[in-house]
C-alpha cells in the first residue's frame, strides 16, 4: 500500500521512469530507480529505463505482466495490452541479435511476443499471442502461431475504443476523445449494444 501511495505522490510510474533517465544526482537517481523497479514488480512487469518511447503507450488494462527490455524503440500512439513481451535477443551468435523497433500507431494484443532484431512498421496490428521474429511492413496484421502478414493498402484504425459514462471514447496521442464519427458509432453500437 505504501508503495502505491508513494508512486502516486511522485507522479506515477512514467514520471518515475522519466526521473530515472534525467536526474543527475546519484543518490536520488538510485532511490527513484528503486521505487520504479518495485512499483513495476508489484504489477509483475519490467520496462527498462533504457527502452525508448516517442510517447507514453496506452495500456488499456494497466501495466500488468508487461516486459519491455533495454534497447527497444517504440513509436508514438501505441496500444499495448497485458502480458506483452517486447524483448531483446542478446545471443551474439544469433541472426536475431538485437532489440525490436516498433513504429507509431501500433496495436499489440494480449500475450504477444516481439523478440530480437525486428522492425515493426507503422500502423501494424499484432494479434493476441502472436510471436513476431521477422520484420513486419507498415499497415499489416500479424496473426497467431505461424506469423502471417496481411499488408493493407490503406492505414488501419488502431484506436482502442471504450465506453465511459455511456459515450464511446478513444485515445489518440495520449488524449482521450469522444467518438463523433457516425459510421464508427454505428459499428461500435451494433457490436456492443447497451
C-alpha atoms as a PDB file:
ATOM      1  CA  UNK A   1       0.000   0.000   0.000  1.00  0.00           C
ATOM      2  CA  UNK A   2       2.814   2.392   0.920  1.00  0.00           C
ATOM      3  CA  UNK A   3       4.496   1.787  -2.460  1.00  0.00           C
ATOM      4  CA  UNK A   4       1.317   2.660  -4.398  1.00  0.00           C
ATOM      5  CA  UNK A   5       0.845   5.861  -2.392  1.00  0.00           C
ATOM      6  CA  UNK A   6       4.491   6.838  -2.829  1.00  0.00           C
ATOM      7  CA  UNK A   7       4.338   6.130  -6.572  1.00  0.00           C
ATOM      8  CA  UNK A   8       1.227   8.334  -6.900  1.00  0.00           C
ATOM      9  CA  UNK A   9       2.815  11.132  -4.854  1.00  0.00           C
ATOM     10  CA  UNK A  10       5.863  11.030  -7.137  1.00  0.00           C
ATOM     11  CA  UNK A  11       3.666  11.334 -10.245  1.00  0.00           C
ATOM     12  CA  UNK A  12       3.139   7.713 -11.278  1.00  0.00           C
ATOM     13  CA  UNK A  13       5.275   5.050 -12.929  1.00  0.00           C
ATOM     14  CA  UNK A  14       6.026   7.074 -16.090  1.00  0.00           C
ATOM     15  CA  UNK A  15       7.124  10.116 -14.096  1.00  0.00           C
ATOM     16  CA  UNK A  16       9.414   7.862 -12.049  1.00  0.00           C
ATOM     17  CA  UNK A  17      10.813   6.376 -15.258  1.00  0.00           C
ATOM     18  CA  UNK A  18      11.467   9.841 -16.619  1.00  0.00           C
ATOM     19  CA  UNK A  19      13.239  10.846 -13.393  1.00  0.00           C
ATOM     20  CA  UNK A  20      15.449   7.750 -13.602  1.00  0.00           C
ATOM     21  CA  UNK A  21      16.638   8.960 -17.021  1.00  0.00           C
ATOM     22  CA  UNK A  22      17.012  12.666 -16.271  1.00  0.00           C
ATOM     23  CA  UNK A  23      18.077  13.158 -12.643  1.00  0.00           C
ATOM     24  CA  UNK A  24      21.832  13.628 -12.321  1.00  0.00           C
ATOM     25  CA  UNK A  25      22.130  13.420  -8.521  1.00  0.00           C
ATOM     26  CA  UNK A  26      23.292   9.859  -7.983  1.00  0.00           C
ATOM     27  CA  UNK A  27      21.585   9.079  -4.657  1.00  0.00           C
ATOM     28  CA  UNK A  28      18.215  10.493  -5.803  1.00  0.00           C
ATOM     29  CA  UNK A  29      18.514   8.575  -9.071  1.00  0.00           C
ATOM     30  CA  UNK A  30      19.137   5.343  -7.113  1.00  0.00           C
ATOM     31  CA  UNK A  31      16.131   5.985  -4.864  1.00  0.00           C
ATOM     32  CA  UNK A  32      13.859   6.763  -7.851  1.00  0.00           C
ATOM     33  CA  UNK A  33      15.134   3.659  -9.697  1.00  0.00           C
ATOM     34  CA  UNK A  34      14.431   1.505  -6.640  1.00  0.00           C
ATOM     35  CA  UNK A  35      10.864   2.835  -6.304  1.00  0.00           C
ATOM     36  CA  UNK A  36      10.301   2.477 -10.081  1.00  0.00           C
ATOM     37  CA  UNK A  37      11.535  -1.127 -10.065  1.00  0.00           C
ATOM     38  CA  UNK A  38       9.441  -2.071  -7.023  1.00  0.00           C
ATOM     39  CA  UNK A  39       6.299  -0.422  -8.486  1.00  0.00           C
ATOM     40  CA  UNK A  40       6.704  -2.451 -11.697  1.00  0.00           C
ATOM     41  CA  UNK A  41       7.472  -5.675  -9.822  1.00  0.00           C
ATOM     42  CA  UNK A  42       4.249  -5.244  -7.865  1.00  0.00           C
ATOM     43  CA  UNK A  43       2.448  -5.425 -11.243  1.00  0.00           C
ATOM     44  CA  UNK A  44       4.565  -8.362 -12.452  1.00  0.00           C
ATOM     45  CA  UNK A  45       6.211  -6.124 -15.044  1.00  0.00           C
ATOM     46  CA  UNK A  46       9.547  -4.776 -16.205  1.00  0.00           C
ATOM     47  CA  UNK A  47      10.007  -1.773 -18.502  1.00  0.00           C
ATOM     48  CA  UNK A  48      13.673  -0.917 -18.860  1.00  0.00           C
ATOM     49  CA  UNK A  49      14.653   2.702 -18.330  1.00  0.00           C
ATOM     50  CA  UNK A  50      16.840   2.146 -21.406  1.00  0.00           C
ATOM     51  CA  UNK A  51      13.825   1.496 -23.657  1.00  0.00           C
ATOM     52  CA  UNK A  52      12.949   4.470 -25.873  1.00  0.00           C
ATOM     53  CA  UNK A  53       9.349   5.679 -26.276  1.00  0.00           C
ATOM     54  CA  UNK A  54       8.245   8.543 -28.553  1.00  0.00           C
ATOM     55  CA  UNK A  55       5.159   8.903 -26.357  1.00  0.00           C
ATOM     56  CA  UNK A  56       3.633   7.079 -23.420  1.00  0.00           C
ATOM     57  CA  UNK A  57       1.853   3.979 -24.757  1.00  0.00           C
ATOM     58  CA  UNK A  58      -1.758   3.308 -23.864  1.00  0.00           C
ATOM     59  CA  UNK A  59      -2.081   0.289 -21.561  1.00  0.00           C
ATOM     60  CA  UNK A  60      -5.868  -0.384 -21.685  1.00  0.00           C
ATOM     61  CA  UNK A  61      -5.737  -2.955 -18.870  1.00  0.00           C
ATOM     62  CA  UNK A  62      -2.875  -1.391 -16.941  1.00  0.00           C
ATOM     63  CA  UNK A  63       0.784  -2.313 -16.808  1.00  0.00           C
ATOM     64  CA  UNK A  64       0.283  -5.967 -15.853  1.00  0.00           C
ATOM     65  CA  UNK A  65       2.710  -8.630 -16.987  1.00  0.00           C
ATOM     66  CA  UNK A  66       4.408  -6.228 -19.411  1.00  0.00           C
ATOM     67  CA  UNK A  67       8.077  -6.856 -20.236  1.00  0.00           C
ATOM     68  CA  UNK A  68       9.993  -4.359 -22.375  1.00  0.00           C
ATOM     69  CA  UNK A  69      13.748  -4.769 -22.447  1.00  0.00           C
ATOM     70  CA  UNK A  70      16.516  -2.232 -22.893  1.00  0.00           C
ATOM     71  CA  UNK A  71      17.330  -1.046 -26.397  1.00  0.00           C
ATOM     72  CA  UNK A  72      13.711  -1.323 -27.572  1.00  0.00           C
ATOM     73  CA  UNK A  73      12.370   1.643 -29.537  1.00  0.00           C
ATOM     74  CA  UNK A  74       8.618   2.249 -29.671  1.00  0.00           C
ATOM     75  CA  UNK A  75       6.948   4.967 -31.750  1.00  0.00           C
ATOM     76  CA  UNK A  76       4.119   7.226 -30.699  1.00  0.00           C
ATOM     77  CA  UNK A  77       0.477   6.430 -30.065  1.00  0.00           C
ATOM     78  CA  UNK A  78       0.876   2.677 -29.479  1.00  0.00           C
ATOM     79  CA  UNK A  79      -1.603   0.455 -27.643  1.00  0.00           C
ATOM     80  CA  UNK A  80      -0.089  -2.376 -25.567  1.00  0.00           C
ATOM     81  CA  UNK A  81      -2.299  -4.932 -23.839  1.00  0.00           C
ATOM     82  CA  UNK A  82      -1.448  -7.066 -20.799  1.00  0.00           C
ATOM     83  CA  UNK A  83       1.195  -9.807 -20.755  1.00  0.00           C
ATOM     84  CA  UNK A  84       3.098  -8.490 -23.766  1.00  0.00           C
ATOM     85  CA  UNK A  85       6.826  -9.176 -24.112  1.00  0.00           C
ATOM     86  CA  UNK A  86       8.986  -6.910 -26.266  1.00  0.00           C
ATOM     87  CA  UNK A  87      12.386  -8.432 -25.697  1.00  0.00           C
ATOM     88  CA  UNK A  88      15.928  -8.146 -26.908  1.00  0.00           C
ATOM     89  CA  UNK A  89      17.857 -11.122 -28.206  1.00  0.00           C
ATOM     90  CA  UNK A  90      21.269 -10.970 -26.548  1.00  0.00           C
ATOM     91  CA  UNK A  91      22.700 -14.137 -28.097  1.00  0.00           C
ATOM     92  CA  UNK A  92      25.588 -12.628 -30.039  1.00  0.00           C
ATOM     93  CA  UNK A  93      25.835 -15.555 -32.429  1.00  0.00           C
ATOM     94  CA  UNK A  94      22.121 -15.385 -33.264  1.00  0.00           C
ATOM     95  CA  UNK A  95      20.765 -13.976 -36.513  1.00  0.00           C
ATOM     96  CA  UNK A  96      18.113 -12.178 -34.444  1.00  0.00           C
ATOM     97  CA  UNK A  97      20.626 -10.454 -32.141  1.00  0.00           C
ATOM     98  CA  UNK A  98      19.359  -7.003 -31.129  1.00  0.00           C
ATOM     99  CA  UNK A  99      16.242  -5.228 -29.921  1.00  0.00           C
ATOM    100  CA  UNK A 100      12.876  -4.616 -31.593  1.00  0.00           C
ATOM    101  CA  UNK A 101      11.997  -1.306 -33.217  1.00  0.00           C
ATOM    102  CA  UNK A 102       8.255  -0.664 -33.308  1.00  0.00           C
ATOM    103  CA  UNK A 103       6.687   2.092 -35.399  1.00  0.00           C
ATOM    104  CA  UNK A 104       3.920   4.503 -34.467  1.00  0.00           C
ATOM    105  CA  UNK A 105       0.188   3.777 -34.176  1.00  0.00           C
ATOM    106  CA  UNK A 106       0.672   0.064 -33.490  1.00  0.00           C
ATOM    107  CA  UNK A 107      -1.797  -2.155 -31.626  1.00  0.00           C
ATOM    108  CA  UNK A 108      -0.204  -5.046 -29.718  1.00  0.00           C
ATOM    109  CA  UNK A 109      -2.668  -7.667 -28.476  1.00  0.00           C
ATOM    110  CA  UNK A 110      -2.610  -9.507 -25.144  1.00  0.00           C
ATOM    111  CA  UNK A 111       0.184 -12.021 -24.746  1.00  0.00           C
ATOM    112  CA  UNK A 112       2.002 -11.030 -27.941  1.00  0.00           C
ATOM    113  CA  UNK A 113       5.769 -11.574 -28.087  1.00  0.00           C
ATOM    114  CA  UNK A 114       8.095  -9.447 -30.218  1.00  0.00           C
ATOM    115  CA  UNK A 115      11.624 -10.775 -29.920  1.00  0.00           C
ATOM    116  CA  UNK A 116      15.023  -9.781 -31.271  1.00  0.00           C
ATOM    117  CA  UNK A 117      16.250  -7.539 -34.035  1.00  0.00           C
ATOM    118  CA  UNK A 118      12.945  -6.997 -35.834  1.00  0.00           C
ATOM    119  CA  UNK A 119      11.413  -3.856 -37.219  1.00  0.00           C
ATOM    120  CA  UNK A 120       7.656  -3.425 -36.952  1.00  0.00           C
ATOM    121  CA  UNK A 121       6.316  -0.783 -39.339  1.00  0.00           C
ATOM    122  CA  UNK A 122       3.830   1.979 -38.622  1.00  0.00           C
ATOM    123  CA  UNK A 123       0.154   1.207 -38.176  1.00  0.00           C
ATOM    124  CA  UNK A 124       0.618  -2.508 -37.540  1.00  0.00           C
ATOM    125  CA  UNK A 125      -1.795  -4.706 -35.633  1.00  0.00           C
ATOM    126  CA  UNK A 126      -0.290  -7.686 -33.777  1.00  0.00           C
ATOM    127  CA  UNK A 127      -2.835 -10.259 -32.675  1.00  0.00           C
ATOM    128  CA  UNK A 128      -3.140 -11.762 -29.214  1.00  0.00           C
ATOM    129  CA  UNK A 129      -0.447 -14.363 -28.508  1.00  0.00           C
ATOM    130  CA  UNK A 130       1.303 -13.769 -31.831  1.00  0.00           C
ATOM    131  CA  UNK A 131       5.047 -14.354 -31.825  1.00  0.00           C
ATOM    132  CA  UNK A 132       6.940 -11.918 -34.053  1.00  0.00           C
ATOM    133  CA  UNK A 133      10.525 -12.741 -35.048  1.00  0.00           C
ATOM    134  CA  UNK A 134      10.587 -11.267 -38.573  1.00  0.00           C
ATOM    135  CA  UNK A 135      10.176  -7.731 -39.874  1.00  0.00           C
ATOM    136  CA  UNK A 136       6.613  -6.526 -40.481  1.00  0.00           C
ATOM    137  CA  UNK A 137       5.818  -3.831 -43.079  1.00  0.00           C
ATOM    138  CA  UNK A 138       3.568  -0.801 -42.491  1.00  0.00           C
ATOM    139  CA  UNK A 139      -0.218  -1.314 -42.428  1.00  0.00           C
ATOM    140  CA  UNK A 140      -0.054  -5.033 -41.693  1.00  0.00           C
ATOM    141  CA  UNK A 141      -1.763  -7.517 -39.402  1.00  0.00           C
ATOM    142  CA  UNK A 142       0.175 -10.329 -37.697  1.00  0.00           C
ATOM    143  CA  UNK A 143      -1.830 -13.331 -36.510  1.00  0.00           C
ATOM    144  CA  UNK A 144      -1.033 -16.142 -34.062  1.00  0.00           C
ATOM    145  CA  UNK A 145       1.044 -19.310 -34.264  1.00  0.00           C
ATOM    146  CA  UNK A 146       2.791 -19.105 -37.598  1.00  0.00           C
ATOM    147  CA  UNK A 147       3.435 -15.468 -38.412  1.00  0.00           C
ATOM    148  CA  UNK A 148       1.055 -14.481 -41.183  1.00  0.00           C
ATOM    149  CA  UNK A 149       1.383 -10.966 -42.533  1.00  0.00           C
ATOM    150  CA  UNK A 150      -1.515  -9.293 -44.306  1.00  0.00           C
ATOM    151  CA  UNK A 151      -0.496  -5.986 -45.848  1.00  0.00           C
ATOM    152  CA  UNK A 152      -3.209  -3.406 -46.389  1.00  0.00           C
ATOM    153  CA  UNK A 153      -3.222  -0.575 -48.901  1.00  0.00           C
ATOM    154  CA  UNK A 154      -4.997   1.803 -46.524  1.00  0.00           C
ATOM    155  CA  UNK A 155      -3.942   2.708 -42.962  1.00  0.00           C
ATOM    156  CA  UNK A 156      -5.625   0.714 -40.204  1.00  0.00           C
ATOM    157  CA  UNK A 157      -7.599   2.322 -37.408  1.00  0.00           C
ATOM    158  CA  UNK A 158      -5.776   1.082 -34.305  1.00  0.00           C
ATOM    159  CA  UNK A 159      -7.605   3.162 -31.723  1.00  0.00           C
ATOM    160  CA  UNK A 160      -8.637   1.465 -28.503  1.00  0.00           C
ATOM    161  CA  UNK A 161     -12.355   2.199 -28.039  1.00  0.00           C
ATOM    162  CA  UNK A 162     -14.081   2.053 -24.672  1.00  0.00           C
ATOM    163  CA  UNK A 163     -17.346   3.253 -23.184  1.00  0.00           C
ATOM    164  CA  UNK A 164     -17.186   5.888 -20.464  1.00  0.00           C
ATOM    165  CA  UNK A 165     -20.309   7.426 -18.901  1.00  0.00           C
ATOM    166  CA  UNK A 166     -22.377   5.983 -21.744  1.00  0.00           C
ATOM    167  CA  UNK A 167     -20.215   7.507 -24.519  1.00  0.00           C
ATOM    168  CA  UNK A 168     -17.738   5.787 -26.796  1.00  0.00           C
ATOM    169  CA  UNK A 169     -14.212   7.164 -26.388  1.00  0.00           C
ATOM    170  CA  UNK A 170     -10.764   6.507 -27.817  1.00  0.00           C
ATOM    171  CA  UNK A 171      -7.283   7.759 -27.073  1.00  0.00           C
ATOM    172  CA  UNK A 172      -5.183   9.451 -29.714  1.00  0.00           C
ATOM    173  CA  UNK A 173      -1.750  10.890 -28.919  1.00  0.00           C
ATOM    174  CA  UNK A 174      -2.438  10.451 -25.182  1.00  0.00           C
ATOM    175  CA  UNK A 175      -5.659  12.496 -25.336  1.00  0.00           C
ATOM    176  CA  UNK A 176      -8.979  10.786 -24.636  1.00  0.00           C
ATOM    177  CA  UNK A 177     -11.694  11.892 -27.075  1.00  0.00           C
ATOM    178  CA  UNK A 178     -15.363  11.177 -27.706  1.00  0.00           C
ATOM    179  CA  UNK A 179     -16.170   9.250 -30.874  1.00  0.00           C
ATOM    180  CA  UNK A 180     -18.109  11.648 -33.099  1.00  0.00           C
ATOM    181  CA  UNK A 181     -17.939   9.843 -36.450  1.00  0.00           C
ATOM    182  CA  UNK A 182     -21.424   8.413 -37.119  1.00  0.00           C
ATOM    183  CA  UNK A 183     -20.098   5.360 -39.002  1.00  0.00           C
ATOM    184  CA  UNK A 184     -17.768   4.464 -36.135  1.00  0.00           C
ATOM    185  CA  UNK A 185     -20.575   4.941 -33.595  1.00  0.00           C
ATOM    186  CA  UNK A 186     -22.931   2.736 -35.647  1.00  0.00           C
ATOM    187  CA  UNK A 187     -20.324  -0.038 -35.846  1.00  0.00           C
ATOM    188  CA  UNK A 188     -19.498   0.166 -32.121  1.00  0.00           C
ATOM    189  CA  UNK A 189     -23.157   0.246 -31.076  1.00  0.00           C
ATOM    190  CA  UNK A 190     -24.068  -2.654 -33.371  1.00  0.00           C
ATOM    191  CA  UNK A 191     -21.423  -4.937 -31.833  1.00  0.00           C
ATOM    192  CA  UNK A 192     -21.741  -3.660 -28.251  1.00  0.00           C
ATOM    193  CA  UNK A 193     -25.385  -2.741 -27.630  1.00  0.00           C
ATOM    194  CA  UNK A 194     -26.367  -1.120 -24.349  1.00  0.00           C
END
